[in-house]
PDB file of N, CA and C in Angstrom:
ATOM      1  N   MET A   1      -1.213 -12.508  -3.948  1.00  0.00           N
ATOM      2  CA  MET A   1      -1.601 -12.139  -2.712  1.00  0.00           C
ATOM      3  C   MET A   1      -2.782 -10.982  -2.623  1.00  0.00           C
ATOM      4  N   ASP A   2      -3.887 -11.244  -2.286  1.00  0.00           N
ATOM      5  CA  ASP A   2      -4.574  -9.927  -2.412  1.00  0.00           C
ATOM      6  C   ASP A   2      -4.478  -8.653  -0.859  1.00  0.00           C
ATOM      7  N   ASP A   3      -5.189  -7.941  -0.743  1.00  0.00           N
ATOM      8  CA  ASP A   3      -4.469  -6.822  -0.052  1.00  0.00           C
ATOM      9  C   ASP A   3      -5.480  -7.449   1.334  1.00  0.00           C
ATOM     10  N   ARG A   4      -6.215  -7.855   1.587  1.00  0.00           N
ATOM     11  CA  ARG A   4      -6.818  -8.564   2.819  1.00  0.00           C
ATOM     12  C   ARG A   4      -6.017  -9.735   3.325  1.00  0.00           C
ATOM     13  N   THR A   5      -5.289 -10.638   2.616  1.00  0.00           N
ATOM     14  CA  THR A   5      -4.228 -11.622   2.904  1.00  0.00           C
ATOM     15  C   THR A   5      -3.093 -10.913   3.434  1.00  0.00           C
ATOM     16  N   LYS A   6      -2.570  -9.611   2.793  1.00  0.00           N
ATOM     17  CA  LYS A   6      -1.529  -8.702   3.103  1.00  0.00           C
ATOM     18  C   LYS A   6      -1.563  -8.549   4.697  1.00  0.00           C
ATOM     19  N   ARG A   7      -3.153  -7.719   5.213  1.00  0.00           N
ATOM     20  CA  ARG A   7      -3.205  -7.461   5.674  1.00  0.00           C
ATOM     21  C   ARG A   7      -3.225  -8.021   7.350  1.00  0.00           C
ATOM     22  N   ALA A   8      -3.620  -9.363   6.649  1.00  0.00           N
ATOM     23  CA  ALA A   8      -3.753 -10.616   7.685  1.00  0.00           C
ATOM     24  C   ALA A   8      -2.286 -10.803   8.199  1.00  0.00           C
ATOM     25  N   ALA A   9      -1.563 -10.931   7.552  1.00  0.00           N
ATOM     26  CA  ALA A   9      -0.107 -11.645   7.167  1.00  0.00           C
ATOM     27  C   ALA A   9       0.600 -10.273   8.222  1.00  0.00           C
ATOM     28  N   LEU A  10       0.343  -9.009   8.274  1.00  0.00           N
ATOM     29  CA  LEU A  10       0.934  -7.965   8.470  1.00  0.00           C
ATOM     30  C   LEU A  10       0.665  -8.133  10.225  1.00  0.00           C
ATOM     31  N   GLN A  11      -0.996  -8.570  10.546  1.00  0.00           N
ATOM     32  CA  GLN A  11      -1.484  -8.736  11.767  1.00  0.00           C
ATOM     33  C   GLN A  11      -0.644  -9.805  12.365  1.00  0.00           C
ATOM     34  N   ARG A  12      -0.238 -11.043  11.854  1.00  0.00           N
ATOM     35  CA  ARG A  12       0.259 -12.015  12.289  1.00  0.00           C
ATOM     36  C   ARG A  12       1.449 -11.922  12.864  1.00  0.00           C
ATOM     37  N   HIS A  13       2.006 -10.676  11.759  1.00  0.00           N
ATOM     38  CA  HIS A  13       3.639 -10.548  12.180  1.00  0.00           C
ATOM     39  C   HIS A  13       3.862  -9.430  13.362  1.00  0.00           C
ATOM     40  N   TRP A  14       3.063  -8.458  13.417  1.00  0.00           N
ATOM     41  CA  TRP A  14       2.729  -7.756  14.983  1.00  0.00           C
ATOM     42  C   TRP A  14       2.649  -8.377  16.266  1.00  0.00           C
ATOM     43  N   ASP A  15       1.709  -9.322  15.923  1.00  0.00           N
ATOM     44  CA  ASP A  15       1.009 -10.087  17.151  1.00  0.00           C
ATOM     45  C   ASP A  15       2.125 -10.757  17.409  1.00  0.00           C
ATOM     46  N   ALA A  16       2.930 -11.574  16.466  1.00  0.00           N
ATOM     47  CA  ALA A  16       4.252 -12.059  16.858  1.00  0.00           C
ATOM     48  C   ALA A  16       5.329 -11.593  17.556  1.00  0.00           C
ATOM     49  N   SER A  17       5.601 -10.646  16.936  1.00  0.00           N
ATOM     50  CA  SER A  17       6.502  -9.229  17.453  1.00  0.00           C
ATOM     51  C   SER A  17       6.155  -9.149  19.189  1.00  0.00           C
ATOM     52  N   ASP A  18       4.911  -9.049  19.258  1.00  0.00           N
ATOM     53  CA  ASP A  18       4.499  -8.604  20.953  1.00  0.00           C
ATOM     54  C   ASP A  18       4.359  -9.981  22.024  1.00  0.00           C
ATOM     55  N   ALA A  19       4.540 -10.950  21.188  1.00  0.00           N
ATOM     56  CA  ALA A  19       4.867 -12.335  21.954  1.00  0.00           C
ATOM     57  C   ALA A  19       6.050 -12.517  21.980  1.00  0.00           C
ATOM     58  N   SER A  20       7.034 -12.007  21.402  1.00  0.00           N
ATOM     59  CA  SER A  20       8.498 -12.520  21.249  1.00  0.00           C
ATOM     60  C   SER A  20       8.439 -13.925  20.546  1.00  0.00           C
ATOM     61  N   ASP A  21       7.345 -14.030  19.654  1.00  0.00           N
ATOM     62  CA  ASP A  21       7.845 -15.291  18.500  1.00  0.00           C
ATOM     63  C   ASP A  21       8.645 -15.348  17.710  1.00  0.00           C
ATOM     64  N   PHE A  22       9.838 -15.191  17.809  1.00  0.00           N
ATOM     65  CA  PHE A  22      10.754 -14.908  16.735  1.00  0.00           C
ATOM     66  C   PHE A  22      10.687 -15.764  15.548  1.00  0.00           C
ATOM     67  N   GLU A  23      10.426 -16.670  15.641  1.00  0.00           N
ATOM     68  CA  GLU A  23      10.219 -17.938  14.406  1.00  0.00           C
ATOM     69  C   GLU A  23       8.911 -16.854  13.443  1.00  0.00           C
ATOM     70  N   VAL A  24       7.686 -16.970  13.890  1.00  0.00           N
ATOM     71  CA  VAL A  24       6.400 -16.461  13.189  1.00  0.00           C
ATOM     72  C   VAL A  24       6.909 -15.024  12.836  1.00  0.00           C
ATOM     73  N   GLU A  25       7.646 -14.128  13.645  1.00  0.00           N
ATOM     74  CA  GLU A  25       7.502 -12.441  13.452  1.00  0.00           C
ATOM     75  C   GLU A  25       8.122 -12.336  11.765  1.00  0.00           C
ATOM     76  N   HIS A  26       9.159 -13.216  11.703  1.00  0.00           N
ATOM     77  CA  HIS A  26      10.000 -13.006  10.614  1.00  0.00           C
ATOM     78  C   HIS A  26       9.659 -14.098   9.827  1.00  0.00           C
ATOM     79  N   GLU A  27       8.485 -14.624   9.433  1.00  0.00           N
ATOM     80  CA  GLU A  27       8.209 -15.409   8.352  1.00  0.00           C
ATOM     81  C   GLU A  27       7.622 -14.389   7.127  1.00  0.00           C
ATOM     82  N   ILE A  28       7.661 -13.128   7.513  1.00  0.00           N
ATOM     83  CA  ILE A  28       7.047 -12.380   6.298  1.00  0.00           C
ATOM     84  C   ILE A  28       8.067 -11.819   5.509  1.00  0.00           C
ATOM     85  N   TYR A  29       9.043 -12.145   5.972  1.00  0.00           N
ATOM     86  CA  TYR A  29      10.403 -11.774   5.245  1.00  0.00           C
ATOM     87  C   TYR A  29      11.178 -12.270   4.108  1.00  0.00           C
ATOM     88  N   LEU A  30      11.172 -11.857   3.059  1.00  0.00           N
ATOM     89  CA  LEU A  30      11.916 -12.737   2.201  1.00  0.00           C
ATOM     90  C   LEU A  30      13.406 -13.027   2.508  1.00  0.00           C
ATOM     91  N   GLU A  31      14.057 -14.482   1.885  1.00  0.00           N
ATOM     92  CA  GLU A  31      15.323 -14.574   2.320  1.00  0.00           C
ATOM     93  C   GLU A  31      16.515 -13.438   2.265  1.00  0.00           C
ATOM     94  N   ASP A  32      16.264 -12.324   1.522  1.00  0.00           N
ATOM     95  CA  ASP A  32      16.967 -11.759   1.015  1.00  0.00           C
ATOM     96  C   ASP A  32      16.434 -10.346   1.545  1.00  0.00           C
ATOM     97  N   ALA A  33      15.616  -9.984   2.402  1.00  0.00           N
ATOM     98  CA  ALA A  33      14.848  -9.120   2.818  1.00  0.00           C
ATOM     99  C   ALA A  33      15.848  -7.654   3.135  1.00  0.00           C
ATOM    100  N   VAL A  34      15.497  -6.656   3.347  1.00  0.00           N
ATOM    101  CA  VAL A  34      16.517  -5.603   3.899  1.00  0.00           C
ATOM    102  C   VAL A  34      15.730  -4.823   4.530  1.00  0.00           C
ATOM    103  N   LEU A  35      16.367  -4.411   5.903  1.00  0.00           N
ATOM    104  CA  LEU A  35      16.040  -3.439   6.986  1.00  0.00           C
ATOM    105  C   LEU A  35      16.549  -2.312   7.463  1.00  0.00           C
ATOM    106  N   ASP A  36      15.924  -1.180   7.449  1.00  0.00           N
ATOM    107  CA  ASP A  36      16.450   0.024   7.240  1.00  0.00           C
ATOM    108  C   ASP A  36      16.088   0.866   8.277  1.00  0.00           C
ATOM    109  N   TYR A  37      16.972   1.243   9.232  1.00  0.00           N
ATOM    110  CA  TYR A  37      17.035   2.387  10.649  1.00  0.00           C
ATOM    111  C   TYR A  37      17.091   3.577  10.038  1.00  0.00           C
ATOM    112  N   PRO A  38      17.186   4.461   9.294  1.00  0.00           N
ATOM    113  CA  PRO A  38      17.750   6.053   8.963  1.00  0.00           C
ATOM    114  C   PRO A  38      18.030   6.557  10.157  1.00  0.00           C
ATOM    115  N   GLN A  39      17.611   6.493  11.432  1.00  0.00           N
ATOM    116  CA  GLN A  39      17.743   7.547  12.169  1.00  0.00           C
ATOM    117  C   GLN A  39      19.121   6.831  12.717  1.00  0.00           C
ATOM    118  N   SER A  40      19.534   5.500  13.010  1.00  0.00           N
ATOM    119  CA  SER A  40      20.972   5.075  13.414  1.00  0.00           C
ATOM    120  C   SER A  40      21.836   5.065  12.470  1.00  0.00           C
ATOM    121  N   GLY A  41      21.108   5.223  10.793  1.00  0.00           N
ATOM    122  CA  GLY A  41      22.042   4.559   9.848  1.00  0.00           C
ATOM    123  C   GLY A  41      22.612   3.077   9.596  1.00  0.00           C
ATOM    124  N   GLU A  42      21.682   2.268  10.121  1.00  0.00           N
ATOM    125  CA  GLU A  42      21.665   0.876  10.059  1.00  0.00           C
ATOM    126  C   GLU A  42      20.676   0.315   8.892  1.00  0.00           C
ATOM    127  N   ARG A  43      21.708  -0.778   8.377  1.00  0.00           N
ATOM    128  CA  ARG A  43      21.015  -1.312   7.080  1.00  0.00           C
ATOM    129  C   ARG A  43      21.001  -3.024   7.716  1.00  0.00           C
ATOM    130  N   ILE A  44      20.121  -3.722   7.812  1.00  0.00           N
ATOM    131  CA  ILE A  44      20.307  -5.297   8.161  1.00  0.00           C
ATOM    132  C   ILE A  44      19.739  -5.702   6.640  1.00  0.00           C
ATOM    133  N   ARG A  45      20.831  -6.849   5.924  1.00  0.00           N
ATOM    134  CA  ARG A  45      20.257  -7.345   5.220  1.00  0.00           C
ATOM    135  C   ARG A  45      19.932  -9.007   5.330  1.00  0.00           C
ATOM    136  N   GLY A  46      19.004  -9.573   4.896  1.00  0.00           N
ATOM    137  CA  GLY A  46      18.592 -10.929   5.172  1.00  0.00           C
ATOM    138  C   GLY A  46      18.024 -11.376   6.201  1.00  0.00           C
ATOM    139  N   ARG A  47      16.870 -12.015   5.835  1.00  0.00           N
ATOM    140  CA  ARG A  47      15.771 -12.288   7.035  1.00  0.00           C
ATOM    141  C   ARG A  47      16.503 -13.032   8.498  1.00  0.00           C
ATOM    142  N   ARG A  48      17.509 -13.851   8.105  1.00  0.00           N
ATOM    143  CA  ARG A  48      18.535 -14.434   9.474  1.00  0.00           C
ATOM    144  C   ARG A  48      19.039 -13.536  10.207  1.00  0.00           C
ATOM    145  N   ASN A  49      19.484 -12.427   9.702  1.00  0.00           N
ATOM    146  CA  ASN A  49      20.014 -11.156  10.087  1.00  0.00           C
ATOM    147  C   ASN A  49      19.215 -10.618  11.287  1.00  0.00           C
ATOM    148  N   ILE A  50      17.933 -10.267  10.181  1.00  0.00           N
ATOM    149  CA  ILE A  50      17.035  -9.452  10.485  1.00  0.00           C
ATOM    150  C   ILE A  50      16.638  -9.704  12.217  1.00  0.00           C
ATOM    151  N   GLN A  51      16.065 -11.243  12.023  1.00  0.00           N
ATOM    152  CA  GLN A  51      15.722 -12.348  13.357  1.00  0.00           C
ATOM    153  C   GLN A  51      16.995 -12.184  14.492  1.00  0.00           C
ATOM    154  N   GLU A  52      18.223 -12.055  14.262  1.00  0.00           N
ATOM    155  CA  GLU A  52      18.915 -12.454  15.064  1.00  0.00           C
ATOM    156  C   GLU A  52      19.270 -10.903  15.803  1.00  0.00           C
ATOM    157  N   SER A  53      19.179  -9.874  15.211  1.00  0.00           N
ATOM    158  CA  SER A  53      19.174  -8.871  15.491  1.00  0.00           C
ATOM    159  C   SER A  53      18.243  -8.217  16.882  1.00  0.00           C
ATOM    160  N   ARG A  54      16.858  -8.918  16.565  1.00  0.00           N
ATOM    161  CA  ARG A  54      15.661  -8.920  17.090  1.00  0.00           C
ATOM    162  C   ARG A  54      16.256  -9.982  18.606  1.00  0.00           C
ATOM    163  N   THR A  55      16.327 -10.855  18.338  1.00  0.00           N
ATOM    164  CA  THR A  55      16.350 -11.880  19.547  1.00  0.00           C
ATOM    165  C   THR A  55      17.822 -11.808  20.309  1.00  0.00           C
ATOM    166  N   VAL A  56      18.775 -10.888  19.911  1.00  0.00           N
ATOM    167  CA  VAL A  56      19.906 -10.488  20.837  1.00  0.00           C
ATOM    168  C   VAL A  56      19.536  -9.327  21.261  1.00  0.00           C
ATOM    169  N   GLN A  57      18.179  -8.496  20.870  1.00  0.00           N
ATOM    170  CA  GLN A  57      18.038  -7.188  21.779  1.00  0.00           C
ATOM    171  C   GLN A  57      17.331  -7.455  23.229  1.00  0.00           C
ATOM    172  N   PRO A  58      18.248  -6.782  23.979  1.00  0.00           N
ATOM    173  CA  PRO A  58      17.604  -7.407  25.797  1.00  0.00           C
ATOM    174  C   PRO A  58      16.966  -6.988  26.381  1.00  0.00           C
ATOM    175  N   ASN A  59      16.219  -5.717  25.678  1.00  0.00           N
ATOM    176  CA  ASN A  59      14.978  -5.149  26.817  1.00  0.00           C
ATOM    177  C   ASN A  59      13.521  -5.827  26.231  1.00  0.00           C
ATOM    178  N   LYS A  60      12.850  -5.738  27.255  1.00  0.00           N
ATOM    179  CA  LYS A  60      11.645  -6.198  27.226  1.00  0.00           C
ATOM    180  C   LYS A  60      10.600  -5.672  26.590  1.00  0.00           C
ATOM    181  N   LYS A  61      10.002  -6.126  25.165  1.00  0.00           N
ATOM    182  CA  LYS A  61       9.396  -5.184  24.566  1.00  0.00           C
ATOM    183  C   LYS A  61       7.836  -5.463  24.292  1.00  0.00           C
ATOM    184  N   ARG A  62       6.994  -4.803  24.084  1.00  0.00           N
ATOM    185  CA  ARG A  62       5.746  -4.587  23.490  1.00  0.00           C
ATOM    186  C   ARG A  62       5.143  -4.106  22.334  1.00  0.00           C
ATOM    187  N   PHE A  63       4.497  -4.326  21.799  1.00  0.00           N
ATOM    188  CA  PHE A  63       3.667  -3.790  20.883  1.00  0.00           C
ATOM    189  C   PHE A  63       2.366  -3.704  20.582  1.00  0.00           C
ATOM    190  N   THR A  64       2.135  -2.388  20.217  1.00  0.00           N
ATOM    191  CA  THR A  64       0.770  -1.848  20.145  1.00  0.00           C
ATOM    192  C   THR A  64       0.300  -0.775  18.796  1.00  0.00           C
ATOM    193  N   VAL A  65      -0.409  -2.191  18.099  1.00  0.00           N
ATOM    194  CA  VAL A  65      -0.413  -1.469  16.837  1.00  0.00           C
ATOM    195  C   VAL A  65      -1.663  -0.097  16.935  1.00  0.00           C
ATOM    196  N   ARG A  66      -1.300   0.726  15.858  1.00  0.00           N
ATOM    197  CA  ARG A  66      -2.544   1.778  16.293  1.00  0.00           C
ATOM    198  C   ARG A  66      -3.472   1.763  14.956  1.00  0.00           C
ATOM    199  N   ARG A  67      -2.486   1.634  13.661  1.00  0.00           N
ATOM    200  CA  ARG A  67      -3.234   1.280  12.678  1.00  0.00           C
ATOM    201  C   ARG A  67      -2.315   0.914  11.279  1.00  0.00           C
ATOM    202  N   MET A  68      -2.912   0.276  10.431  1.00  0.00           N
ATOM    203  CA  MET A  68      -2.063  -0.898   9.164  1.00  0.00           C
ATOM    204  C   MET A  68      -3.013   0.276   8.252  1.00  0.00           C
ATOM    205  N   ILE A  69      -2.179   0.619   7.312  1.00  0.00           N
ATOM    206  CA  ILE A  69      -2.841   1.451   5.951  1.00  0.00           C
ATOM    207  C   ILE A  69      -2.105   0.610   4.567  1.00  0.00           C
ATOM    208  N   GLY A  70      -2.266   0.453   4.014  1.00  0.00           N
ATOM    209  CA  GLY A  70      -1.686   0.116   2.425  1.00  0.00           C
ATOM    210  C   GLY A  70      -2.388  -0.284   1.563  1.00  0.00           C
ATOM    211  N   GLY A  71      -1.984  -0.889   0.084  1.00  0.00           N
ATOM    212  CA  GLY A  71      -2.446  -1.572  -0.597  1.00  0.00           C
ATOM    213  C   GLY A  71      -1.569  -2.322  -1.610  1.00  0.00           C
ATOM    214  N   GLY A  72      -1.670  -3.265  -2.240  1.00  0.00           N
ATOM    215  CA  GLY A  72      -0.863  -3.697  -2.937  1.00  0.00           C
ATOM    216  C   GLY A  72       0.273  -4.051  -2.401  1.00  0.00           C
ATOM    217  N   ASP A  73       1.642  -3.613  -3.111  1.00  0.00           N
ATOM    218  CA  ASP A  73       2.999  -3.660  -2.706  1.00  0.00           C
ATOM    219  C   ASP A  73       3.379  -2.966  -1.496  1.00  0.00           C
ATOM    220  N   LEU A  74       2.522  -1.889  -1.040  1.00  0.00           N
ATOM    221  CA  LEU A  74       3.129  -1.121  -0.171  1.00  0.00           C
ATOM    222  C   LEU A  74       2.309  -0.847   0.983  1.00  0.00           C
ATOM    223  N   TRP A  75       2.650  -1.246   2.317  1.00  0.00           N
ATOM    224  CA  TRP A  75       1.814  -1.081   3.271  1.00  0.00           C
ATOM    225  C   TRP A  75       2.784  -0.526   4.561  1.00  0.00           C
ATOM    226  N   VAL A  76       1.961   0.145   5.475  1.00  0.00           N
ATOM    227  CA  VAL A  76       2.593   1.142   6.603  1.00  0.00           C
ATOM    228  C   VAL A  76       1.757   0.855   7.683  1.00  0.00           C
ATOM    229  N   SER A  77       2.805   0.457   8.841  1.00  0.00           N
ATOM    230  CA  SER A  77       2.018   0.163  10.009  1.00  0.00           C
ATOM    231  C   SER A  77       2.529   1.510  10.964  1.00  0.00           C
ATOM    232  N   GLU A  78       1.561   2.273  11.843  1.00  0.00           N
ATOM    233  CA  GLU A  78       2.152   2.756  12.814  1.00  0.00           C
ATOM    234  C   GLU A  78       1.955   2.137  14.378  1.00  0.00           C
ATOM    235  N   PHE A  79       2.868   1.985  15.248  1.00  0.00           N
ATOM    236  CA  PHE A  79       2.789   1.188  16.443  1.00  0.00           C
ATOM    237  C   PHE A  79       3.639   2.143  17.614  1.00  0.00           C
ATOM    238  N   VAL A  80       3.131   1.725  18.528  1.00  0.00           N
ATOM    239  CA  VAL A  80       3.793   1.727  19.758  1.00  0.00           C
ATOM    240  C   VAL A  80       4.398   0.747  20.340  1.00  0.00           C
ATOM    241  N   LEU A  81       5.994   0.851  20.350  1.00  0.00           N
ATOM    242  CA  LEU A  81       6.767   0.134  20.524  1.00  0.00           C
ATOM    243  C   LEU A  81       7.522   0.257  21.991  1.00  0.00           C
ATOM    244  N   THR A  82       7.056  -0.472  23.055  1.00  0.00           N
ATOM    245  CA  THR A  82       7.418  -0.369  24.457  1.00  0.00           C
ATOM    246  C   THR A  82       8.530  -1.201  24.775  1.00  0.00           C
ATOM    247  N   TYR A  83       9.328  -0.420  25.197  1.00  0.00           N
ATOM    248  CA  TYR A  83      11.220  -1.110  25.861  1.00  0.00           C
ATOM    249  C   TYR A  83      11.076  -0.865  27.217  1.00  0.00           C
ATOM    250  N   ASP A  84      11.034  -1.587  28.075  1.00  0.00           N
ATOM    251  CA  ASP A  84      11.354  -1.761  29.075  1.00  0.00           C
ATOM    252  C   ASP A  84      10.230  -0.448  29.758  1.00  0.00           C
ATOM    253  N   GLY A  85       9.151  -0.200  29.245  1.00  0.00           N
ATOM    254  CA  GLY A  85       7.948   0.155  29.864  1.00  0.00           C
ATOM    255  C   GLY A  85       8.027   1.775  29.205  1.00  0.00           C
ATOM    256  N   VAL A  86       8.817   1.829  28.298  1.00  0.00           N
ATOM    257  CA  VAL A  86       9.126   3.599  28.084  1.00  0.00           C
ATOM    258  C   VAL A  86       8.447   3.262  26.561  1.00  0.00           C
ATOM    259  N   PRO A  87       7.645   4.284  26.039  1.00  0.00           N
ATOM    260  CA  PRO A  87       7.217   4.289  24.684  1.00  0.00           C
ATOM    261  C   PRO A  87       7.769   4.764  23.726  1.00  0.00           C
ATOM    262  N   SER A  88       8.111   4.508  22.756  1.00  0.00           N
ATOM    263  CA  SER A  88       8.858   4.957  21.363  1.00  0.00           C
ATOM    264  C   SER A  88       7.310   4.822  20.399  1.00  0.00           C
ATOM    265  N   TYR A  89       7.244   5.800  19.750  1.00  0.00           N
ATOM    266  CA  TYR A  89       6.271   5.841  18.118  1.00  0.00           C
ATOM    267  C   TYR A  89       6.863   5.505  17.115  1.00  0.00           C
ATOM    268  N   VAL A  90       6.528   4.664  16.209  1.00  0.00           N
ATOM    269  CA  VAL A  90       7.087   3.773  15.024  1.00  0.00           C
ATOM    270  C   VAL A  90       6.062   3.691  14.088  1.00  0.00           C
ATOM    271  N   VAL A  91       6.770   4.146  12.955  1.00  0.00           N
ATOM    272  CA  VAL A  91       6.303   3.723  11.531  1.00  0.00           C
ATOM    273  C   VAL A  91       6.765   3.090  10.773  1.00  0.00           C
ATOM    274  N   SER A  92       6.615   1.965  10.441  1.00  0.00           N
ATOM    275  CA  SER A  92       7.312   0.876   9.480  1.00  0.00           C
ATOM    276  C   SER A  92       6.661   0.941   8.310  1.00  0.00           C
ATOM    277  N   ILE A  93       7.436   0.985   7.334  1.00  0.00           N
ATOM    278  CA  ILE A  93       7.119   1.120   5.970  1.00  0.00           C
ATOM    279  C   ILE A  93       7.424  -0.527   5.353  1.00  0.00           C
ATOM    280  N   MET A  94       6.246  -1.268   4.489  1.00  0.00           N
ATOM    281  CA  MET A  94       7.026  -2.373   4.179  1.00  0.00           C
ATOM    282  C   MET A  94       6.656  -2.691   2.635  1.00  0.00           C
ATOM    283  N   GLU A  95       7.447  -2.982   1.929  1.00  0.00           N
ATOM    284  CA  GLU A  95       7.368  -2.975   0.790  1.00  0.00           C
ATOM    285  C   GLU A  95       7.252  -4.751   0.497  1.00  0.00           C
ATOM    286  N   PHE A  96       6.502  -4.979  -0.251  1.00  0.00           N
ATOM    287  CA  PHE A  96       6.083  -6.502  -0.721  1.00  0.00           C
ATOM    288  C   PHE A  96       6.773  -6.697  -1.645  1.00  0.00           C
ATOM    289  N   ARG A  97       7.008  -8.073  -2.115  1.00  0.00           N
ATOM    290  CA  ARG A  97       7.474  -8.831  -3.280  1.00  0.00           C
ATOM    291  C   ARG A  97       6.930 -10.166  -3.310  1.00  0.00           C
ATOM    292  N   GLY A  98       5.735 -10.017  -4.142  1.00  0.00           N
ATOM    293  CA  GLY A  98       5.403 -11.131  -4.144  1.00  0.00           C
ATOM    294  C   GLY A  98       4.435 -11.244  -2.838  1.00  0.00           C
ATOM    295  N   GLU A  99       4.672 -12.340  -1.862  1.00  0.00           N
ATOM    296  CA  GLU A  99       3.884 -12.606  -0.622  1.00  0.00           C
ATOM    297  C   GLU A  99       4.481 -12.336   0.420  1.00  0.00           C
ATOM    298  N   GLN A 100       5.795 -11.908   0.314  1.00  0.00           N
ATOM    299  CA  GLN A 100       6.487 -11.739   1.401  1.00  0.00           C
ATOM    300  C   GLN A 100       7.089 -10.032   1.248  1.00  0.00           C
ATOM    301  N   VAL A 101       7.719  -9.826   2.288  1.00  0.00           N
ATOM    302  CA  VAL A 101       8.702  -8.118   2.810  1.00  0.00           C
ATOM    303  C   VAL A 101       9.828  -8.398   1.867  1.00  0.00           C
ATOM    304  N   ALA A 102       9.943  -7.532   1.188  1.00  0.00           N
ATOM    305  CA  ALA A 102      11.674  -7.321   0.458  1.00  0.00           C
ATOM    306  C   ALA A 102      12.224  -6.316   1.467  1.00  0.00           C
ATOM    307  N   HIS A 103      11.538  -5.112   1.445  1.00  0.00           N
ATOM    308  CA  HIS A 103      12.422  -4.277   2.386  1.00  0.00           C
ATOM    309  C   HIS A 103      11.302  -3.471   2.952  1.00  0.00           C
ATOM    310  N   GLU A 104      11.979  -2.958   4.692  1.00  0.00           N
ATOM    311  CA  GLU A 104      11.179  -2.295   5.345  1.00  0.00           C
ATOM    312  C   GLU A 104      12.106  -1.388   6.082  1.00  0.00           C
ATOM    313  N   THR A 105      11.392  -0.043   6.590  1.00  0.00           N
ATOM    314  CA  THR A 105      11.936   0.676   6.885  1.00  0.00           C
ATOM    315  C   THR A 105      11.189   1.218   8.206  1.00  0.00           C
ATOM    316  N   GLN A 106      12.005   1.457   9.325  1.00  0.00           N
ATOM    317  CA  GLN A 106      11.511   1.734  10.475  1.00  0.00           C
ATOM    318  C   GLN A 106      11.887   3.214  11.272  1.00  0.00           C
ATOM    319  N   TYR A 107      10.841   4.327  11.271  1.00  0.00           N
ATOM    320  CA  TYR A 107      11.387   5.504  11.921  1.00  0.00           C
ATOM    321  C   TYR A 107      10.862   5.348  13.224  1.00  0.00           C
ATOM    322  N   PHE A 108      11.595   6.221  14.146  1.00  0.00           N
ATOM    323  CA  PHE A 108      10.966   6.061  15.733  1.00  0.00           C
ATOM    324  C   PHE A 108      11.241   7.442  16.047  1.00  0.00           C
ATOM    325  N   CYS A 109      10.093   7.861  17.234  1.00  0.00           N
ATOM    326  CA  CYS A 109      10.183   9.355  17.463  1.00  0.00           C
ATOM    327  C   CYS A 109       9.902   9.032  19.062  1.00  0.00           C
ATOM    328  N   ASP A 110      10.136   9.586  20.537  1.00  0.00           N
ATOM    329  CA  ASP A 110       9.954   9.553  21.342  1.00  0.00           C
ATOM    330  C   ASP A 110       8.966  10.707  21.800  1.00  0.00           C
ATOM    331  N   ARG A 111       8.244  10.399  22.641  1.00  0.00           N
ATOM    332  CA  ARG A 111       6.785  11.456  23.156  1.00  0.00           C
ATOM    333  C   ARG A 111       7.852  12.837  23.826  1.00  0.00           C
ATOM    334  N   PHE A 112       6.879  13.756  23.168  1.00  0.00           N
ATOM    335  CA  PHE A 112       7.697  15.325  23.764  1.00  0.00           C
ATOM    336  C   PHE A 112       6.365  16.086  23.872  1.00  0.00           C
ATOM    337  N   ASP A 113       6.438  16.996  24.794  1.00  0.00           N
ATOM    338  CA  ASP A 113       5.334  17.891  24.866  1.00  0.00           C
ATOM    339  C   ASP A 113       5.434  19.011  24.135  1.00  0.00           C
ATOM    340  N   PRO A 114       4.082  19.138  23.918  1.00  0.00           N
ATOM    341  CA  PRO A 114       3.673  20.318  22.896  1.00  0.00           C
ATOM    342  C   PRO A 114       4.412  21.820  23.326  1.00  0.00           C
ATOM    343  N   ALA A 115       4.986  22.627  22.436  1.00  0.00           N
ATOM    344  CA  ALA A 115       5.640  23.679  22.485  1.00  0.00           C
ATOM    345  C   ALA A 115       5.041  24.551  23.074  1.00  0.00           C
ATOM    346  N   PRO A 116       5.425  25.712  23.812  1.00  0.00           N
ATOM    347  CA  PRO A 116       4.845  26.367  24.739  1.00  0.00           C
ATOM    348  C   PRO A 116       3.804  27.477  23.768  1.00  0.00           C
ATOM    349  N   SER A 117       4.311  27.442  22.423  1.00  0.00           N
ATOM    350  CA  SER A 117       3.895  28.408  21.589  1.00  0.00           C
ATOM    351  C   SER A 117       2.366  28.095  21.196  1.00  0.00           C
ATOM    352  N   ARG A 118       2.056  26.996  20.974  1.00  0.00           N
ATOM    353  CA  ARG A 118       0.975  25.969  20.603  1.00  0.00           C
ATOM    354  C   ARG A 118      -0.009  25.374  21.527  1.00  0.00           C
ATOM    355  N   ALA A 119       0.750  25.236  23.030  1.00  0.00           N
ATOM    356  CA  ALA A 119      -0.061  24.567  23.596  1.00  0.00           C
ATOM    357  C   ALA A 119      -1.510  24.786  23.881  1.00  0.00           C
ATOM    358  N   HIS A 120      -1.724  26.337  23.962  1.00  0.00           N
ATOM    359  CA  HIS A 120      -3.140  26.823  23.805  1.00  0.00           C
ATOM    360  C   HIS A 120      -4.102  26.299  22.988  1.00  0.00           C
ATOM    361  N   LEU A 121      -3.413  25.529  21.588  1.00  0.00           N
ATOM    362  CA  LEU A 121      -4.499  24.839  20.508  1.00  0.00           C
ATOM    363  C   LEU A 121      -4.223  23.612  20.496  1.00  0.00           C
ATOM    364  N   VAL A 122      -3.628  22.733  21.411  1.00  0.00           N
ATOM    365  CA  VAL A 122      -3.749  21.100  21.094  1.00  0.00           C
ATOM    366  C   VAL A 122      -4.567  20.984  22.522  1.00  0.00           C
ATOM    367  N   GLU A 123      -5.062  19.790  21.914  1.00  0.00           N
ATOM    368  CA  GLU A 123      -5.882  18.651  22.936  1.00  0.00           C
ATOM    369  C   GLU A 123      -4.850  17.371  23.144  1.00  0.00           C
ATOM    370  N   ARG A 124      -4.816  16.835  24.245  1.00  0.00           N
ATOM    371  CA  ARG A 124      -3.924  15.439  24.499  1.00  0.00           C
ATOM    372  C   ARG A 124      -4.807  14.544  23.820  1.00  0.00           C
ATOM    373  N   ALA A 125      -3.694  13.931  23.158  1.00  0.00           N
ATOM    374  CA  ALA A 125      -4.071  12.463  22.476  1.00  0.00           C
ATOM    375  C   ALA A 125      -3.086  11.295  22.576  1.00  0.00           C
ATOM    376  N   ASP A 126      -4.128  10.460  23.150  1.00  0.00           N
ATOM    377  CA  ASP A 126      -2.858   9.463  23.358  1.00  0.00           C
ATOM    378  C   ASP A 126      -2.796   8.068  22.265  1.00  0.00           C
TER     379      ASP A 126
END
């Protein structure tokens, strides 16, 4: 699978995530894929368990991809994940094995205001 095809598979994944199309969203994962959430210390093993963890999540979710970069077997997506109208900033690192994802790690961060010590140096970016 070339990089253009992997990028298209990632776009299909994030589009399906935004549409809550749980079947298409999880086609990208191998049956034995692993998903890590380092901030909560969770590791979920297996495509069906990853899918179930997302289908039972009660919040209304929206995904806005800011960028996808990568090549070969390593791809990084930066996106805004909005739960019930509250945005979180997320980085997803996906490691492919062949044509599907074998391992994904997601890092989450909430918005915060600039520190007063540097406020005069920054411009607001959305």
